[in-house]
Amino acid sequence: MNQGDIALAKIQRADGKLKLRPVLLLKQLKPFNNWLVCGISTQIHLIVEGKDELILESDNDFKESGLDSTSIIRISFLATIPVKIIPGTIGKISEKRYKKVINNIINLLEN
């Protein structure tokens, strides 16, 4: 598993329940090798313009992402999950998109 990969993992929703959803692997954190991830959603009507990253089915890296339909990478939906609960990856995003997501997270934290 690498930064920029998309995996399926159970992560906690706002109501406290766990839901299996696609996540973007952002960074593996030491010393326990847990992953900092960003949730991915098909609820595109909830996009936060200028923050969330929209992945359209027509985008060059969509097929490689492993996603089923147009989705958003929810910049404000960050979680840390143990590597042992990630069964594997389903795809990945382009390096360019990954860098954009990271910059959006930095901007979110700074503003």
C-alpha atoms as a PDB file:
ATOM      1  CA  MET A   1       0.000   0.000   0.000  1.00  0.00           C
ATOM      2  CA  ASN A   2       1.220   3.444  -0.922  1.00  0.00           C
ATOM      3  CA  GLN A   3       0.273   7.078  -0.574  1.00  0.00           C
ATOM      4  CA  GLY A   4      -2.325   7.928  -3.198  1.00  0.00           C
ATOM      5  CA  ASP A   5      -3.842   4.448  -3.203  1.00  0.00           C
ATOM      6  CA  ILE A   6      -7.555   3.964  -2.673  1.00  0.00           C
ATOM      7  CA  ALA A   7      -8.650   1.194  -0.323  1.00  0.00           C
ATOM      8  CA  LEU A   8     -11.839   0.023   1.349  1.00  0.00           C
ATOM      9  CA  ALA A   9     -11.978   0.328   5.124  1.00  0.00           C
ATOM     10  CA  LYS A  10     -14.524   0.597   7.900  1.00  0.00           C
ATOM     11  CA  ILE A  11     -14.349   4.105   9.285  1.00  0.00           C
ATOM     12  CA  GLN A  12     -16.513   5.846  11.837  1.00  0.00           C
ATOM     13  CA  ARG A  13     -19.377   8.038  10.638  1.00  0.00           C
ATOM     14  CA  ALA A  14     -20.643  11.118  12.478  1.00  0.00           C
ATOM     15  CA  ASP A  15     -23.274   8.959  14.242  1.00  0.00           C
ATOM     16  CA  GLY A  16     -20.530   6.694  15.633  1.00  0.00           C
ATOM     17  CA  LYS A  17     -21.357   3.698  13.416  1.00  0.00           C
ATOM     18  CA  LEU A  18     -18.717   2.058  11.261  1.00  0.00           C
ATOM     19  CA  LYS A  19     -19.238   2.057   7.512  1.00  0.00           C
ATOM     20  CA  LEU A  20     -17.227   0.332   4.811  1.00  0.00           C
ATOM     21  CA  ARG A  21     -16.208   3.033   2.377  1.00  0.00           C
ATOM     22  CA  PRO A  22     -13.445   3.939  -0.005  1.00  0.00           C
ATOM     23  CA  VAL A  23     -10.611   5.939   1.522  1.00  0.00           C
ATOM     24  CA  LEU A  24      -7.586   7.690   0.098  1.00  0.00           C
ATOM     25  CA  LEU A  25      -4.351   6.626   1.789  1.00  0.00           C
ATOM     26  CA  LEU A  26      -2.539   9.846   2.666  1.00  0.00           C
ATOM     27  CA  LYS A  27       0.399   8.908   4.901  1.00  0.00           C
ATOM     28  CA  GLN A  28       1.559   5.938   6.936  1.00  0.00           C
ATOM     29  CA  LEU A  29       2.304   7.158  10.460  1.00  0.00           C
ATOM     30  CA  LYS A  30       5.089   5.912  12.714  1.00  0.00           C
ATOM     31  CA  PRO A  31       5.630   4.152  15.071  1.00  0.00           C
ATOM     32  CA  PHE A  32       2.559   1.898  14.588  1.00  0.00           C
ATOM     33  CA  ASN A  33       2.255   2.232  10.791  1.00  0.00           C
ATOM     34  CA  ASN A  34      -1.377   3.350  11.006  1.00  0.00           C
ATOM     35  CA  TRP A  35      -2.690   5.175   7.939  1.00  0.00           C
ATOM     36  CA  LEU A  36      -3.977   8.733   7.849  1.00  0.00           C
ATOM     37  CA  VAL A  37      -6.862   8.504   5.379  1.00  0.00           C
ATOM     38  CA  CYS A  38      -9.398  10.749   3.747  1.00  0.00           C
ATOM     39  CA  GLY A  39     -12.958   9.504   3.251  1.00  0.00           C
ATOM     40  CA  ILE A  40     -14.416   9.286  -0.233  1.00  0.00           C
ATOM     41  CA  SER A  41     -18.132   9.764  -0.905  1.00  0.00           C
ATOM     42  CA  THR A  42     -20.542   9.625  -3.830  1.00  0.00           C
ATOM     43  CA  GLN A  43     -22.658  12.322  -2.163  1.00  0.00           C
ATOM     44  CA  ILE A  44     -21.356  14.940  -4.589  1.00  0.00           C
ATOM     45  CA  HIS A  45     -24.109  17.396  -3.648  1.00  0.00           C
ATOM     46  CA  LEU A  46     -22.224  17.837  -0.347  1.00  0.00           C
ATOM     47  CA  ILE A  47     -19.001  18.983  -2.006  1.00  0.00           C
ATOM     48  CA  VAL A  48     -17.179  21.873  -0.346  1.00  0.00           C
ATOM     49  CA  GLU A  49     -15.919  23.885  -3.313  1.00  0.00           C
ATOM     50  CA  GLY A  50     -12.239  24.736  -3.158  1.00  0.00           C
ATOM     51  CA  LYS A  51     -11.605  22.082  -0.498  1.00  0.00           C
ATOM     52  CA  ASP A  52     -13.009  18.686  -1.526  1.00  0.00           C
ATOM     53  CA  GLU A  53     -11.633  17.013  -4.645  1.00  0.00           C
ATOM     54  CA  LEU A  54     -14.137  15.895  -7.280  1.00  0.00           C
ATOM     55  CA  ILE A  55     -13.271  12.783  -9.302  1.00  0.00           C
ATOM     56  CA  LEU A  56     -15.391  12.599 -12.436  1.00  0.00           C
ATOM     57  CA  GLU A  57     -15.899   9.417 -14.436  1.00  0.00           C
ATOM     58  CA  SER A  58     -14.454  11.313 -17.414  1.00  0.00           C
ATOM     59  CA  ASP A  59     -11.181  12.170 -15.614  1.00  0.00           C
ATOM     60  CA  ASN A  60      -7.973  10.539 -16.870  1.00  0.00           C
ATOM     61  CA  ASP A  61      -7.257   8.818 -13.551  1.00  0.00           C
ATOM     62  CA  PHE A  62     -10.839   7.670 -12.820  1.00  0.00           C
ATOM     63  CA  LYS A  63     -10.510   4.130 -14.216  1.00  0.00           C
ATOM     64  CA  GLU A  64      -7.319   3.563 -12.261  1.00  0.00           C
ATOM     65  CA  SER A  65      -9.014   4.787  -9.054  1.00  0.00           C
ATOM     66  CA  GLY A  66     -11.154   1.662  -8.730  1.00  0.00           C
ATOM     67  CA  LEU A  67     -14.190   3.797  -7.857  1.00  0.00           C
ATOM     68  CA  ASP A  68     -17.616   2.887  -9.259  1.00  0.00           C
ATOM     69  CA  SER A  69     -18.939   6.383  -9.936  1.00  0.00           C
ATOM     70  CA  THR A  70     -18.202  10.091  -9.688  1.00  0.00           C
ATOM     71  CA  SER A  71     -17.037  10.765  -6.126  1.00  0.00           C
ATOM     72  CA  ILE A  72     -15.520  13.380  -3.869  1.00  0.00           C
ATOM     73  CA  ILE A  73     -12.470  13.099  -1.658  1.00  0.00           C
ATOM     74  CA  ARG A  74     -13.761  14.702   1.530  1.00  0.00           C
ATOM     75  CA  ILE A  75     -10.875  16.854   2.767  1.00  0.00           C
ATOM     76  CA  SER A  76     -12.545  17.419   6.137  1.00  0.00           C
ATOM     77  CA  PHE A  77     -13.193  13.673   6.633  1.00  0.00           C
ATOM     78  CA  LEU A  78      -9.825  12.562   8.000  1.00  0.00           C
ATOM     79  CA  ALA A  79      -9.241   9.458  10.090  1.00  0.00           C
ATOM     80  CA  THR A  80      -6.387   7.302  11.324  1.00  0.00           C
ATOM     81  CA  ILE A  81      -6.859   3.577  10.889  1.00  0.00           C
ATOM     82  CA  PRO A  82      -4.706   0.548  11.661  1.00  0.00           C
ATOM     83  CA  VAL A  83      -3.057  -1.046   8.666  1.00  0.00           C
ATOM     84  CA  LYS A  84      -4.441  -4.437   9.746  1.00  0.00           C
ATOM     85  CA  ILE A  85      -8.033  -3.409   8.951  1.00  0.00           C
ATOM     86  CA  ILE A  86      -7.183  -2.467   5.360  1.00  0.00           C
ATOM     87  CA  PRO A  87      -7.533  -5.653   3.315  1.00  0.00           C
ATOM     88  CA  GLY A  88      -5.864  -4.146   0.264  1.00  0.00           C
ATOM     89  CA  THR A  89      -6.250  -1.463  -2.328  1.00  0.00           C
ATOM     90  CA  ILE A  90      -8.776  -1.066  -5.146  1.00  0.00           C
ATOM     91  CA  GLY A  91      -6.928   1.568  -7.161  1.00  0.00           C
ATOM     92  CA  LYS A  92      -5.049   4.835  -7.003  1.00  0.00           C
ATOM     93  CA  ILE A  93      -5.240   8.465  -8.041  1.00  0.00           C
ATOM     94  CA  SER A  94      -2.709  10.391 -10.088  1.00  0.00           C
ATOM     95  CA  GLU A  95       0.300  12.002  -8.435  1.00  0.00           C
ATOM     96  CA  LYS A  96      -1.004  15.411  -9.548  1.00  0.00           C
ATOM     97  CA  ARG A  97      -4.384  14.841  -7.855  1.00  0.00           C
ATOM     98  CA  TYR A  98      -2.682  13.470  -4.713  1.00  0.00           C
ATOM     99  CA  LYS A  99      -0.558  16.628  -4.419  1.00  0.00           C
ATOM    100  CA  LYS A 100      -3.661  18.781  -4.888  1.00  0.00           C
ATOM    101  CA  VAL A 101      -5.450  16.913  -2.073  1.00  0.00           C
ATOM    102  CA  ILE A 102      -2.452  17.362   0.245  1.00  0.00           C
ATOM    103  CA  ASN A 103      -2.320  21.097  -0.557  1.00  0.00           C
ATOM    104  CA  ASN A 104      -6.051  21.401   0.132  1.00  0.00           C
ATOM    105  CA  ILE A 105      -5.553  19.733   3.533  1.00  0.00           C
ATOM    106  CA  ILE A 106      -2.696  22.114   4.335  1.00  0.00           C
ATOM    107  CA  ASN A 107      -4.878  25.087   3.347  1.00  0.00           C
ATOM    108  CA  LEU A 108      -7.719  23.745   5.500  1.00  0.00           C
ATOM    109  CA  LEU A 109      -5.402  23.541   8.522  1.00  0.00           C
ATOM    110  CA  GLU A 110      -3.859  26.962   7.961  1.00  0.00           C
ATOM    111  CA  ASN A 111      -7.116  28.871   7.421  1.00  0.00           C
END
